[in-house]
Amino acid sequence: SLKDSGFRFGLSESFSSEETVGWRTRVAHAIRPSRTDKSWDTSYTHAVRDEFKSVSNHYNPVEVYRRTGQWPLSYSLDTGDRLRVIVYSQRTLTRTYTVDDSGYISVPLVGQVKARGVSTKQVQRRIAARLKAKYLRDPKVSVEVATYRPFFVLGQVQTAGQYPYVVGMTAEVAAAIAGGFTSRANERKFRVSRVYKGRRYTLLVSKNFPIFPGDTVYVRERFF
């Protein structure tokens, strides 16, 4: 369905907007021919693919956040994340791998596996597919994050710098980890810089905004 295909961009299931819903409806009506048209499947598939490609190129999660108050994309791996890869009954392949500067992990027999911009489930499927193609009949693979990459806190905090990531942390917690606010800090609004699939986004957020690994939290100065 159009709804299912829309999430191939990596959007979370919570993402929706009148604009998107309206677009789906318009596309469906615009390209749906009569039942007697044998070319329906081909023309429909091509039209939907082209429309999704166009929307994907112009998709801006910051605009979605401004409208909904929610960041619409789930966390994706990047350089510095350490992944625990378990290949059952294969001890030589079971170990911890660090995502390198190019966004890959290097697994024996499997080779270079892209991790940047994807989830642990996607890495898991890629490793299993390569093992099945050449080495194992039915590989059982599990991938999880052993250690997330650090986050950064700058601006009006006591000790700015790099810190180990804590699961479930917010912007306010990030400031607390950095020693707390200075007397001149704006304690209500924060600026967060986030990289997603190689693109950097900047958001103005509240203290309860969820922080991801690799984020830079900037505590601004208040003016009164």
N, C-alpha and C. Protein backbone atom coordinates (compact mmCIF):
# COMPACT_ATOMS: atom_id res chain seq x y z
N SER A 1 0.84 -1.19 0.00
CA SER A 1 0.00 0.00 0.00
C SER A 1 0.87 1.24 0.00
N LEU A 2 0.26 2.38 -0.32
CA LEU A 2 1.03 3.62 -0.31
C LEU A 2 1.57 3.90 1.07
N LYS A 3 0.79 3.64 2.10
CA LYS A 3 1.22 3.93 3.47
C LYS A 3 2.44 3.11 3.82
N ASP A 4 2.43 1.81 3.48
CA ASP A 4 3.57 0.95 3.81
C ASP A 4 4.81 1.39 3.05
N SER A 5 4.65 1.71 1.75
CA SER A 5 5.80 2.09 0.94
C SER A 5 6.42 3.37 1.44
N GLY A 6 5.63 4.26 2.03
CA GLY A 6 6.14 5.55 2.49
C GLY A 6 7.20 5.42 3.55
N PHE A 7 7.16 4.34 4.32
CA PHE A 7 8.11 4.22 5.40
C PHE A 7 9.43 3.60 4.96
N ARG A 8 9.61 3.38 3.67
CA ARG A 8 10.90 2.90 3.19
C ARG A 8 11.97 3.97 3.29
N PHE A 9 11.58 5.20 3.53
CA PHE A 9 12.56 6.26 3.70
C PHE A 9 13.22 6.21 5.06
N GLY A 10 12.74 5.36 5.96
CA GLY A 10 13.29 5.30 7.30
C GLY A 10 12.51 6.14 8.28
N LEU A 11 11.30 6.56 7.94
CA LEU A 11 10.51 7.36 8.85
C LEU A 11 9.94 6.48 9.94
N SER A 12 9.76 7.04 11.11
CA SER A 12 9.13 6.28 12.18
C SER A 12 7.64 6.19 11.92
N GLU A 13 6.99 5.21 12.54
CA GLU A 13 5.58 5.00 12.29
C GLU A 13 4.72 6.14 12.84
N SER A 14 5.29 6.95 13.71
CA SER A 14 4.53 8.06 14.28
C SER A 14 4.44 9.25 13.33
N PHE A 15 5.25 9.21 12.26
CA PHE A 15 5.28 10.33 11.33
C PHE A 15 4.02 10.37 10.47
N SER A 16 3.38 11.50 10.45
CA SER A 16 2.25 11.71 9.56
C SER A 16 1.97 13.20 9.49
N SER A 17 1.36 13.62 8.42
CA SER A 17 0.95 15.01 8.31
C SER A 17 -0.16 15.10 7.29
N GLU A 18 -0.93 16.16 7.35
CA GLU A 18 -2.01 16.33 6.38
C GLU A 18 -1.46 16.41 4.97
N GLU A 19 -0.28 17.02 4.85
CA GLU A 19 0.33 17.17 3.54
C GLU A 19 0.65 15.82 2.94
N THR A 20 1.24 14.94 3.77
CA THR A 20 1.64 13.63 3.28
C THR A 20 0.43 12.77 2.98
N VAL A 21 -0.52 12.76 3.90
CA VAL A 21 -1.73 11.97 3.70
C VAL A 21 -2.45 12.45 2.44
N GLY A 22 -2.53 13.77 2.29
CA GLY A 22 -3.18 14.30 1.11
C GLY A 22 -2.47 13.91 -0.16
N TRP A 23 -1.14 13.92 -0.12
CA TRP A 23 -0.35 13.53 -1.29
C TRP A 23 -0.62 12.09 -1.66
N ARG A 24 -0.68 11.20 -0.64
CA ARG A 24 -0.95 9.80 -0.92
C ARG A 24 -2.30 9.64 -1.61
N THR A 25 -3.29 10.36 -1.11
CA THR A 25 -4.62 10.27 -1.69
C THR A 25 -4.63 10.78 -3.13
N ARG A 26 -3.95 11.91 -3.34
CA ARG A 26 -3.94 12.49 -4.68
C ARG A 26 -3.24 11.58 -5.68
N VAL A 27 -2.12 10.98 -5.26
CA VAL A 27 -1.39 10.09 -6.16
C VAL A 27 -2.25 8.89 -6.53
N ALA A 28 -2.89 8.30 -5.53
CA ALA A 28 -3.72 7.12 -5.77
C ALA A 28 -4.82 7.41 -6.77
N HIS A 29 -5.47 8.58 -6.63
CA HIS A 29 -6.56 8.90 -7.53
C HIS A 29 -6.07 9.33 -8.90
N ALA A 30 -4.92 9.96 -8.91
CA ALA A 30 -4.43 10.51 -10.17
C ALA A 30 -3.97 9.43 -11.13
N ILE A 31 -3.42 8.34 -10.61
CA ILE A 31 -2.80 7.36 -11.50
C ILE A 31 -3.56 6.04 -11.56
N ARG A 32 -4.68 5.93 -10.83
CA ARG A 32 -5.43 4.68 -10.87
C ARG A 32 -6.32 4.63 -12.11
N PRO A 33 -6.06 3.76 -13.09
CA PRO A 33 -6.87 3.66 -14.29
C PRO A 33 -8.03 2.70 -14.09
N SER A 34 -8.76 2.42 -15.15
CA SER A 34 -9.87 1.49 -15.06
C SER A 34 -9.37 0.07 -14.90
N ARG A 35 -10.25 -0.82 -14.47
CA ARG A 35 -9.87 -2.22 -14.24
C ARG A 35 -9.49 -2.93 -15.54
N THR A 36 -9.95 -2.41 -16.65
CA THR A 36 -9.68 -3.06 -17.94
C THR A 36 -8.32 -2.69 -18.51
N ASP A 37 -7.63 -1.77 -17.88
CA ASP A 37 -6.34 -1.33 -18.37
C ASP A 37 -5.26 -2.30 -17.90
N LYS A 38 -4.68 -3.06 -18.84
CA LYS A 38 -3.69 -4.07 -18.47
C LYS A 38 -2.35 -3.48 -18.06
N SER A 39 -2.14 -2.21 -18.38
CA SER A 39 -0.86 -1.58 -18.03
C SER A 39 -0.89 -0.94 -16.65
N TRP A 40 -1.96 -1.21 -15.89
CA TRP A 40 -2.13 -0.57 -14.59
C TRP A 40 -0.94 -0.81 -13.66
N ASP A 41 -0.51 -2.06 -13.52
CA ASP A 41 0.54 -2.38 -12.57
C ASP A 41 1.83 -1.65 -12.89
N THR A 42 2.23 -1.66 -14.15
CA THR A 42 3.49 -1.02 -14.55
C THR A 42 3.45 0.49 -14.35
N SER A 43 2.41 1.13 -14.87
CA SER A 43 2.33 2.59 -14.77
C SER A 43 2.20 3.04 -13.32
N TYR A 44 1.44 2.29 -12.53
CA TYR A 44 1.25 2.63 -11.13
C TYR A 44 2.57 2.53 -10.37
N THR A 45 3.29 1.43 -10.59
CA THR A 45 4.56 1.23 -9.88
C THR A 45 5.56 2.33 -10.22
N HIS A 46 5.68 2.66 -11.49
CA HIS A 46 6.64 3.68 -11.90
C HIS A 46 6.26 5.04 -11.35
N ALA A 47 4.99 5.36 -11.39
CA ALA A 47 4.55 6.66 -10.90
C ALA A 47 4.80 6.80 -9.41
N VAL A 48 4.47 5.76 -8.66
CA VAL A 48 4.69 5.81 -7.21
C VAL A 48 6.17 5.92 -6.90
N ARG A 49 7.01 5.16 -7.63
CA ARG A 49 8.45 5.21 -7.38
C ARG A 49 8.99 6.61 -7.62
N ASP A 50 8.56 7.24 -8.72
CA ASP A 50 9.04 8.59 -9.03
C ASP A 50 8.58 9.59 -8.00
N GLU A 51 7.32 9.46 -7.55
CA GLU A 51 6.81 10.40 -6.55
C GLU A 51 7.55 10.25 -5.23
N PHE A 52 7.80 8.99 -4.81
CA PHE A 52 8.52 8.78 -3.56
C PHE A 52 9.94 9.31 -3.65
N LYS A 53 10.56 9.14 -4.80
CA LYS A 53 11.92 9.63 -4.99
C LYS A 53 11.94 11.14 -4.85
N SER A 54 10.96 11.81 -5.43
CA SER A 54 10.88 13.27 -5.34
C SER A 54 10.67 13.73 -3.91
N VAL A 55 9.74 13.08 -3.20
CA VAL A 55 9.47 13.47 -1.82
C VAL A 55 10.68 13.21 -0.94
N SER A 56 11.38 12.08 -1.18
CA SER A 56 12.54 11.75 -0.37
C SER A 56 13.62 12.80 -0.48
N ASN A 57 13.84 13.31 -1.72
CA ASN A 57 14.89 14.30 -1.94
C ASN A 57 14.61 15.61 -1.24
N HIS A 58 13.34 15.92 -0.99
CA HIS A 58 12.98 17.20 -0.39
C HIS A 58 12.54 17.06 1.07
N TYR A 59 12.65 15.87 1.61
CA TYR A 59 12.16 15.63 2.96
C TYR A 59 13.07 16.30 3.98
N ASN A 60 12.50 17.06 4.90
CA ASN A 60 13.28 17.76 5.92
C ASN A 60 12.69 17.44 7.29
N PRO A 61 13.38 16.61 8.09
CA PRO A 61 12.85 16.24 9.41
C PRO A 61 12.73 17.42 10.37
N VAL A 62 13.50 18.48 10.15
CA VAL A 62 13.40 19.66 11.01
C VAL A 62 12.03 20.30 10.86
N GLU A 63 11.53 20.36 9.63
CA GLU A 63 10.21 20.94 9.40
C GLU A 63 9.13 20.08 10.07
N VAL A 64 9.31 18.77 10.04
CA VAL A 64 8.36 17.87 10.70
C VAL A 64 8.39 18.12 12.21
N TYR A 65 9.58 18.29 12.77
CA TYR A 65 9.70 18.56 14.20
C TYR A 65 9.01 19.87 14.57
N ARG A 66 9.17 20.87 13.75
CA ARG A 66 8.55 22.17 14.04
C ARG A 66 7.03 22.08 14.05
N ARG A 67 6.48 21.23 13.18
CA ARG A 67 5.03 21.10 13.10
C ARG A 67 4.46 20.20 14.18
N THR A 68 5.19 19.13 14.53
CA THR A 68 4.63 18.10 15.41
C THR A 68 5.24 18.08 16.80
N GLY A 69 6.46 18.66 16.96
CA GLY A 69 7.14 18.59 18.24
C GLY A 69 7.84 17.27 18.46
N GLN A 70 7.89 16.41 17.43
CA GLN A 70 8.52 15.10 17.53
C GLN A 70 9.55 14.92 16.43
N TRP A 71 10.72 14.38 16.80
CA TRP A 71 11.72 14.04 15.78
C TRP A 71 11.25 12.77 15.08
N PRO A 72 11.05 12.80 13.75
CA PRO A 72 10.37 11.70 13.06
C PRO A 72 11.23 10.51 12.68
N LEU A 73 12.55 10.59 12.90
CA LEU A 73 13.44 9.53 12.45
C LEU A 73 14.04 8.77 13.62
N SER A 74 14.11 7.47 13.49
CA SER A 74 14.70 6.65 14.54
C SER A 74 16.22 6.74 14.48
N TYR A 75 16.89 6.30 15.55
CA TYR A 75 18.34 6.40 15.61
C TYR A 75 19.00 5.51 14.56
N SER A 76 20.04 6.03 13.94
CA SER A 76 20.83 5.24 12.99
C SER A 76 22.29 5.24 13.42
N LEU A 77 22.98 4.19 13.09
CA LEU A 77 24.37 4.00 13.51
C LEU A 77 25.31 4.95 12.77
N ASP A 78 26.47 5.19 13.40
CA ASP A 78 27.47 6.04 12.75
C ASP A 78 28.84 5.76 13.38
N THR A 79 29.83 6.48 12.88
CA THR A 79 31.22 6.31 13.33
C THR A 79 31.33 6.42 14.84
N GLY A 80 32.01 5.44 15.45
CA GLY A 80 32.22 5.45 16.89
C GLY A 80 31.33 4.50 17.65
N ASP A 81 30.20 4.11 17.07
CA ASP A 81 29.35 3.11 17.71
C ASP A 81 30.07 1.76 17.71
N ARG A 82 29.97 1.03 18.82
CA ARG A 82 30.58 -0.30 18.92
C ARG A 82 29.47 -1.33 18.92
N LEU A 83 29.55 -2.27 17.97
CA LEU A 83 28.50 -3.25 17.77
C LEU A 83 28.95 -4.64 18.23
N ARG A 84 28.09 -5.29 18.98
CA ARG A 84 28.31 -6.67 19.39
C ARG A 84 27.64 -7.58 18.38
N VAL A 85 28.44 -8.29 17.60
CA VAL A 85 27.92 -9.20 16.58
C VAL A 85 28.07 -10.63 17.07
N ILE A 86 26.96 -11.34 17.11
CA ILE A 86 26.96 -12.73 17.54
C ILE A 86 26.50 -13.61 16.38
N VAL A 87 27.39 -14.52 15.96
CA VAL A 87 27.03 -15.52 14.96
C VAL A 87 27.02 -16.86 15.69
N TYR A 88 25.85 -17.37 15.91
CA TYR A 88 25.70 -18.57 16.74
C TYR A 88 26.45 -19.76 16.13
N SER A 89 27.19 -20.46 17.00
CA SER A 89 28.01 -21.62 16.64
C SER A 89 29.25 -21.22 15.83
N GLN A 90 29.56 -19.93 15.79
CA GLN A 90 30.74 -19.46 15.07
C GLN A 90 31.51 -18.49 15.97
N ARG A 91 32.32 -19.03 16.87
CA ARG A 91 33.01 -18.20 17.86
C ARG A 91 34.00 -17.23 17.24
N THR A 92 34.60 -17.61 16.13
CA THR A 92 35.60 -16.73 15.51
C THR A 92 34.97 -15.47 14.93
N LEU A 93 33.68 -15.50 14.65
CA LEU A 93 33.00 -14.34 14.09
C LEU A 93 32.30 -13.50 15.14
N THR A 94 32.13 -14.08 16.31
CA THR A 94 31.42 -13.39 17.39
C THR A 94 32.38 -12.49 18.16
N ARG A 95 32.19 -11.20 18.01
CA ARG A 95 33.07 -10.23 18.68
C ARG A 95 32.44 -8.83 18.60
N THR A 96 33.16 -7.84 19.12
CA THR A 96 32.69 -6.45 19.09
C THR A 96 33.43 -5.71 17.98
N TYR A 97 32.68 -4.99 17.18
CA TYR A 97 33.25 -4.24 16.06
C TYR A 97 32.90 -2.76 16.21
N THR A 98 33.86 -1.90 15.86
CA THR A 98 33.64 -0.45 15.92
C THR A 98 33.38 0.09 14.52
N VAL A 99 32.35 0.90 14.38
CA VAL A 99 32.07 1.53 13.09
C VAL A 99 33.18 2.54 12.81
N ASP A 100 33.87 2.36 11.68
CA ASP A 100 35.04 3.19 11.38
C ASP A 100 34.64 4.53 10.78
N ASP A 101 35.66 5.32 10.42
CA ASP A 101 35.42 6.67 9.90
C ASP A 101 34.66 6.67 8.58
N SER A 102 34.73 5.55 7.87
CA SER A 102 34.01 5.44 6.60
C SER A 102 32.58 4.94 6.78
N GLY A 103 32.24 4.55 8.01
CA GLY A 103 30.89 4.09 8.28
C GLY A 103 30.70 2.59 8.13
N TYR A 104 31.81 1.83 8.16
CA TYR A 104 31.73 0.38 7.96
C TYR A 104 32.31 -0.37 9.17
N ILE A 105 31.92 -1.64 9.28
CA ILE A 105 32.59 -2.57 10.19
C ILE A 105 33.20 -3.67 9.32
N SER A 106 34.31 -4.22 9.76
CA SER A 106 35.01 -5.25 9.00
C SER A 106 34.85 -6.58 9.72
N VAL A 107 34.12 -7.50 9.10
CA VAL A 107 33.81 -8.80 9.70
C VAL A 107 34.55 -9.90 8.94
N PRO A 108 35.27 -10.78 9.64
CA PRO A 108 35.96 -11.89 8.96
C PRO A 108 35.00 -12.71 8.09
N LEU A 109 35.47 -13.13 6.91
CA LEU A 109 34.70 -13.87 5.91
C LEU A 109 33.69 -12.97 5.19
N VAL A 110 33.05 -12.09 5.92
CA VAL A 110 32.00 -11.24 5.35
C VAL A 110 32.59 -10.03 4.63
N GLY A 111 33.64 -9.44 5.22
CA GLY A 111 34.24 -8.25 4.64
C GLY A 111 33.66 -6.97 5.22
N GLN A 112 33.70 -5.91 4.42
CA GLN A 112 33.21 -4.60 4.87
C GLN A 112 31.68 -4.56 4.81
N VAL A 113 31.07 -4.19 5.93
CA VAL A 113 29.61 -4.09 6.01
C VAL A 113 29.25 -2.66 6.39
N LYS A 114 28.42 -2.03 5.58
CA LYS A 114 28.03 -0.65 5.86
C LYS A 114 27.12 -0.59 7.08
N ALA A 115 27.47 0.31 8.01
CA ALA A 115 26.66 0.49 9.22
C ALA A 115 26.13 1.91 9.35
N ARG A 116 26.80 2.86 8.77
CA ARG A 116 26.37 4.25 8.89
C ARG A 116 25.00 4.46 8.26
N GLY A 117 24.12 5.12 9.02
CA GLY A 117 22.82 5.47 8.49
C GLY A 117 21.79 4.37 8.51
N VAL A 118 22.11 3.23 9.12
CA VAL A 118 21.15 2.12 9.17
C VAL A 118 20.98 1.66 10.61
N SER A 119 20.09 0.70 10.82
CA SER A 119 19.83 0.17 12.15
C SER A 119 20.62 -1.12 12.39
N THR A 120 20.62 -1.58 13.63
CA THR A 120 21.29 -2.85 13.94
C THR A 120 20.62 -4.00 13.21
N LYS A 121 19.31 -3.95 13.03
CA LYS A 121 18.59 -5.00 12.31
C LYS A 121 19.04 -5.09 10.87
N GLN A 122 19.28 -3.94 10.25
CA GLN A 122 19.74 -3.94 8.86
C GLN A 122 21.15 -4.50 8.75
N VAL A 123 22.03 -4.15 9.69
CA VAL A 123 23.38 -4.73 9.70
C VAL A 123 23.30 -6.23 9.89
N GLN A 124 22.43 -6.66 10.78
CA GLN A 124 22.24 -8.08 11.05
C GLN A 124 21.82 -8.83 9.79
N ARG A 125 20.89 -8.28 9.05
CA ARG A 125 20.43 -8.94 7.82
C ARG A 125 21.52 -8.98 6.76
N ARG A 126 22.33 -7.93 6.67
CA ARG A 126 23.39 -7.90 5.67
C ARG A 126 24.45 -8.96 5.96
N ILE A 127 24.82 -9.09 7.22
CA ILE A 127 25.82 -10.09 7.58
C ILE A 127 25.28 -11.50 7.32
N ALA A 128 24.05 -11.75 7.72
CA ALA A 128 23.44 -13.07 7.53
C ALA A 128 23.35 -13.42 6.05
N ALA A 129 22.99 -12.46 5.22
CA ALA A 129 22.84 -12.71 3.79
C ALA A 129 24.18 -13.09 3.15
N ARG A 130 25.25 -12.43 3.53
CA ARG A 130 26.57 -12.74 2.96
C ARG A 130 27.08 -14.09 3.46
N LEU A 131 26.85 -14.40 4.71
CA LEU A 131 27.26 -15.71 5.23
C LEU A 131 26.50 -16.83 4.55
N LYS A 132 25.21 -16.62 4.32
CA LYS A 132 24.38 -17.64 3.68
C LYS A 132 24.78 -17.84 2.22
N ALA A 133 25.21 -16.78 1.56
CA ALA A 133 25.56 -16.87 0.15
C ALA A 133 26.81 -17.71 -0.10
N LYS A 134 27.73 -17.75 0.88
CA LYS A 134 29.01 -18.42 0.62
C LYS A 134 29.44 -19.46 1.67
N TYR A 135 28.99 -19.30 2.92
CA TYR A 135 29.62 -20.10 3.98
C TYR A 135 28.67 -20.96 4.81
N LEU A 136 27.53 -20.44 5.19
CA LEU A 136 26.65 -21.15 6.12
C LEU A 136 25.27 -21.37 5.50
N ARG A 137 24.70 -22.52 5.77
CA ARG A 137 23.39 -22.85 5.20
C ARG A 137 22.28 -21.99 5.82
N ASP A 138 22.28 -21.86 7.12
CA ASP A 138 21.24 -21.10 7.81
C ASP A 138 21.85 -20.31 8.96
N PRO A 139 22.57 -19.22 8.66
CA PRO A 139 23.26 -18.47 9.71
C PRO A 139 22.29 -17.78 10.66
N LYS A 140 22.60 -17.86 11.96
CA LYS A 140 21.83 -17.16 12.98
C LYS A 140 22.68 -16.01 13.49
N VAL A 141 22.27 -14.80 13.20
CA VAL A 141 23.08 -13.62 13.52
C VAL A 141 22.29 -12.66 14.39
N SER A 142 22.97 -12.09 15.37
CA SER A 142 22.38 -11.06 16.22
C SER A 142 23.34 -9.88 16.30
N VAL A 143 22.81 -8.68 16.17
CA VAL A 143 23.63 -7.46 16.26
C VAL A 143 22.97 -6.49 17.24
N GLU A 144 23.75 -6.00 18.18
CA GLU A 144 23.25 -5.01 19.13
C GLU A 144 24.35 -4.00 19.41
N VAL A 145 23.96 -2.85 19.92
CA VAL A 145 24.95 -1.81 20.25
C VAL A 145 25.57 -2.13 21.60
N ALA A 146 26.89 -2.33 21.60
CA ALA A 146 27.61 -2.56 22.85
C ALA A 146 27.88 -1.25 23.57
N THR A 147 28.33 -0.25 22.81
CA THR A 147 28.58 1.08 23.36
C THR A 147 28.24 2.13 22.30
N TYR A 148 27.40 3.07 22.67
CA TYR A 148 27.07 4.15 21.74
C TYR A 148 28.22 5.16 21.67
N ARG A 149 28.29 5.86 20.56
CA ARG A 149 29.28 6.92 20.44
C ARG A 149 28.92 8.06 21.40
N PRO A 150 29.90 8.88 21.78
CA PRO A 150 29.64 9.93 22.79
C PRO A 150 28.80 11.08 22.23
N PHE A 151 28.33 11.92 23.15
CA PHE A 151 27.65 13.16 22.77
C PHE A 151 28.48 14.33 23.30
N PHE A 152 28.11 15.54 22.92
CA PHE A 152 28.90 16.72 23.28
C PHE A 152 27.98 17.80 23.87
N VAL A 153 28.52 18.53 24.84
CA VAL A 153 27.79 19.63 25.45
C VAL A 153 28.67 20.88 25.41
N LEU A 154 28.13 21.97 24.88
CA LEU A 154 28.86 23.22 24.76
C LEU A 154 28.02 24.37 25.31
N GLY A 155 28.65 25.51 25.47
CA GLY A 155 27.91 26.71 25.88
C GLY A 155 27.91 26.93 27.38
N GLN A 156 26.77 27.36 27.92
CA GLN A 156 26.67 27.81 29.30
C GLN A 156 26.45 26.64 30.29
N VAL A 157 27.49 25.77 30.35
CA VAL A 157 27.53 24.70 31.34
C VAL A 157 28.86 24.79 32.09
N GLN A 158 28.94 24.12 33.22
CA GLN A 158 30.14 24.21 34.04
C GLN A 158 31.36 23.55 33.39
N THR A 159 31.14 22.39 32.73
CA THR A 159 32.26 21.65 32.14
C THR A 159 31.88 21.17 30.75
N ALA A 160 32.10 22.01 29.76
CA ALA A 160 31.78 21.63 28.39
C ALA A 160 32.73 20.53 27.92
N GLY A 161 32.23 19.67 27.02
CA GLY A 161 33.09 18.62 26.50
C GLY A 161 32.32 17.43 25.97
N GLN A 162 33.05 16.33 25.85
CA GLN A 162 32.52 15.07 25.31
C GLN A 162 32.21 14.12 26.46
N TYR A 163 31.05 13.42 26.35
CA TYR A 163 30.64 12.54 27.44
C TYR A 163 30.06 11.23 26.91
N PRO A 164 30.19 10.15 27.67
CA PRO A 164 29.58 8.88 27.26
C PRO A 164 28.07 9.00 27.22
N TYR A 165 27.48 8.38 26.23
CA TYR A 165 26.03 8.48 26.06
C TYR A 165 25.29 7.64 27.10
N VAL A 166 24.18 8.18 27.60
CA VAL A 166 23.30 7.49 28.54
C VAL A 166 21.95 7.27 27.86
N VAL A 167 21.50 6.04 27.76
CA VAL A 167 20.26 5.72 27.08
C VAL A 167 19.08 6.45 27.74
N GLY A 168 18.24 7.08 26.93
CA GLY A 168 17.05 7.75 27.42
C GLY A 168 17.27 9.16 27.92
N MET A 169 18.44 9.72 27.67
CA MET A 169 18.74 11.05 28.20
C MET A 169 18.03 12.15 27.41
N THR A 170 17.83 13.28 28.08
CA THR A 170 17.22 14.47 27.48
C THR A 170 18.25 15.60 27.44
N ALA A 171 17.86 16.71 26.85
CA ALA A 171 18.76 17.87 26.79
C ALA A 171 19.12 18.36 28.19
N GLU A 172 18.15 18.36 29.10
CA GLU A 172 18.40 18.80 30.47
C GLU A 172 19.38 17.86 31.17
N VAL A 173 19.23 16.56 30.96
CA VAL A 173 20.15 15.59 31.56
C VAL A 173 21.55 15.78 31.01
N ALA A 174 21.66 16.07 29.71
CA ALA A 174 22.96 16.32 29.10
C ALA A 174 23.67 17.49 29.79
N ALA A 175 22.92 18.55 30.07
CA ALA A 175 23.50 19.71 30.75
C ALA A 175 23.93 19.34 32.17
N ALA A 176 23.15 18.51 32.84
CA ALA A 176 23.49 18.09 34.20
C ALA A 176 24.77 17.26 34.21
N ILE A 177 24.93 16.38 33.20
CA ILE A 177 26.14 15.57 33.10
C ILE A 177 27.36 16.45 32.90
N ALA A 178 27.17 17.59 32.23
CA ALA A 178 28.27 18.52 31.99
C ALA A 178 28.48 19.48 33.16
N GLY A 179 28.00 19.12 34.35
CA GLY A 179 28.25 19.91 35.55
C GLY A 179 27.16 20.88 35.91
N GLY A 180 26.11 20.95 35.10
CA GLY A 180 25.02 21.87 35.39
C GLY A 180 25.17 23.20 34.69
N PHE A 181 24.17 24.04 34.84
CA PHE A 181 24.13 25.33 34.16
C PHE A 181 25.02 26.37 34.86
N THR A 182 25.47 27.33 34.08
CA THR A 182 26.10 28.51 34.65
C THR A 182 25.00 29.50 35.04
N SER A 183 25.37 30.56 35.70
CA SER A 183 24.39 31.55 36.14
C SER A 183 23.77 32.32 34.97
N ARG A 184 24.39 32.24 33.81
CA ARG A 184 23.91 32.98 32.65
C ARG A 184 23.19 32.09 31.64
N ALA A 185 22.93 30.86 31.98
CA ALA A 185 22.37 29.91 31.03
C ALA A 185 20.87 30.08 30.83
N ASN A 186 20.44 29.85 29.62
CA ASN A 186 19.02 29.74 29.30
C ASN A 186 18.64 28.28 29.59
N GLU A 187 17.89 28.05 30.63
CA GLU A 187 17.59 26.68 31.07
C GLU A 187 16.33 26.10 30.42
N ARG A 188 15.70 26.85 29.55
CA ARG A 188 14.43 26.40 28.97
C ARG A 188 14.56 25.95 27.52
N LYS A 189 15.43 26.60 26.75
CA LYS A 189 15.60 26.26 25.35
C LYS A 189 17.05 25.92 25.05
N PHE A 190 17.23 24.86 24.24
CA PHE A 190 18.57 24.39 23.89
C PHE A 190 18.68 24.29 22.37
N ARG A 191 19.90 24.37 21.88
CA ARG A 191 20.14 24.13 20.46
C ARG A 191 20.83 22.77 20.32
N VAL A 192 20.29 21.92 19.48
CA VAL A 192 20.84 20.58 19.28
C VAL A 192 21.25 20.42 17.82
N SER A 193 22.48 19.97 17.62
CA SER A 193 22.98 19.67 16.28
C SER A 193 23.02 18.15 16.13
N ARG A 194 22.39 17.64 15.08
CA ARG A 194 22.26 16.19 14.89
C ARG A 194 22.60 15.81 13.46
N VAL A 195 23.41 14.76 13.30
CA VAL A 195 23.77 14.26 11.97
C VAL A 195 22.95 13.01 11.69
N TYR A 196 22.29 13.00 10.53
CA TYR A 196 21.52 11.82 10.13
C TYR A 196 21.86 11.49 8.69
N LYS A 197 22.45 10.31 8.48
CA LYS A 197 22.85 9.85 7.15
C LYS A 197 23.70 10.88 6.42
N GLY A 198 24.67 11.44 7.13
CA GLY A 198 25.62 12.37 6.53
C GLY A 198 25.17 13.81 6.46
N ARG A 199 23.93 14.11 6.84
CA ARG A 199 23.44 15.49 6.81
C ARG A 199 23.27 16.01 8.23
N ARG A 200 23.67 17.25 8.46
CA ARG A 200 23.57 17.85 9.78
C ARG A 200 22.33 18.73 9.88
N TYR A 201 21.58 18.52 10.96
CA TYR A 201 20.37 19.30 11.21
C TYR A 201 20.51 20.03 12.54
N THR A 202 19.99 21.25 12.62
CA THR A 202 20.03 22.04 13.85
C THR A 202 18.61 22.32 14.31
N LEU A 203 18.35 22.08 15.60
CA LEU A 203 17.01 22.24 16.15
C LEU A 203 17.05 23.11 17.39
N LEU A 204 16.01 23.88 17.60
CA LEU A 204 15.81 24.61 18.85
C LEU A 204 14.79 23.80 19.64
N VAL A 205 15.20 23.28 20.82
CA VAL A 205 14.37 22.29 21.51
C VAL A 205 14.15 22.67 22.97
N SER A 206 13.20 21.97 23.59
CA SER A 206 12.93 22.14 25.02
C SER A 206 13.84 21.24 25.83
N LYS A 207 13.78 21.36 27.15
CA LYS A 207 14.65 20.59 28.03
C LYS A 207 14.35 19.10 28.01
N ASN A 208 13.14 18.71 27.58
CA ASN A 208 12.77 17.30 27.57
C ASN A 208 13.02 16.61 26.23
N PHE A 209 13.68 17.29 25.31
CA PHE A 209 13.94 16.71 23.99
C PHE A 209 14.92 15.54 24.11
N PRO A 210 14.60 14.38 23.53
CA PRO A 210 15.49 13.21 23.61
C PRO A 210 16.79 13.44 22.83
N ILE A 211 17.89 13.11 23.48
CA ILE A 211 19.21 13.25 22.86
C ILE A 211 19.67 11.91 22.31
N PHE A 212 20.28 11.94 21.12
CA PHE A 212 20.82 10.75 20.48
C PHE A 212 22.34 10.72 20.64
N PRO A 213 22.95 9.55 20.52
CA PRO A 213 24.42 9.49 20.47
C PRO A 213 24.95 10.35 19.32
N GLY A 214 26.05 11.04 19.56
CA GLY A 214 26.64 11.88 18.53
C GLY A 214 26.09 13.29 18.48
N ASP A 215 25.00 13.56 19.19
CA ASP A 215 24.42 14.91 19.20
C ASP A 215 25.36 15.90 19.88
N THR A 216 25.26 17.15 19.46
CA THR A 216 25.91 18.25 20.17
C THR A 216 24.82 19.13 20.77
N VAL A 217 24.85 19.25 22.10
CA VAL A 217 23.87 20.06 22.82
C VAL A 217 24.52 21.39 23.18
N TYR A 218 23.92 22.48 22.74
CA TYR A 218 24.47 23.80 23.04
C TYR A 218 23.52 24.54 23.97
N VAL A 219 24.01 24.88 25.15
CA VAL A 219 23.21 25.63 26.12
C VAL A 219 23.44 27.11 25.87
N ARG A 220 22.38 27.79 25.51
CA ARG A 220 22.49 29.19 25.11
C ARG A 220 22.55 30.12 26.31
N GLU A 221 23.00 31.34 26.07
CA GLU A 221 23.04 32.37 27.10
C GLU A 221 21.71 33.11 27.15
N ARG A 222 21.20 33.36 28.33
CA ARG A 222 19.96 34.13 28.43
C ARG A 222 20.28 35.62 28.40
N PHE A 223 19.32 36.41 27.97
CA PHE A 223 19.57 37.84 27.76
C PHE A 223 18.90 38.72 28.81
N PHE A 224 18.30 38.11 29.84
CA PHE A 224 17.71 38.91 30.91
C PHE A 224 17.68 38.09 32.18
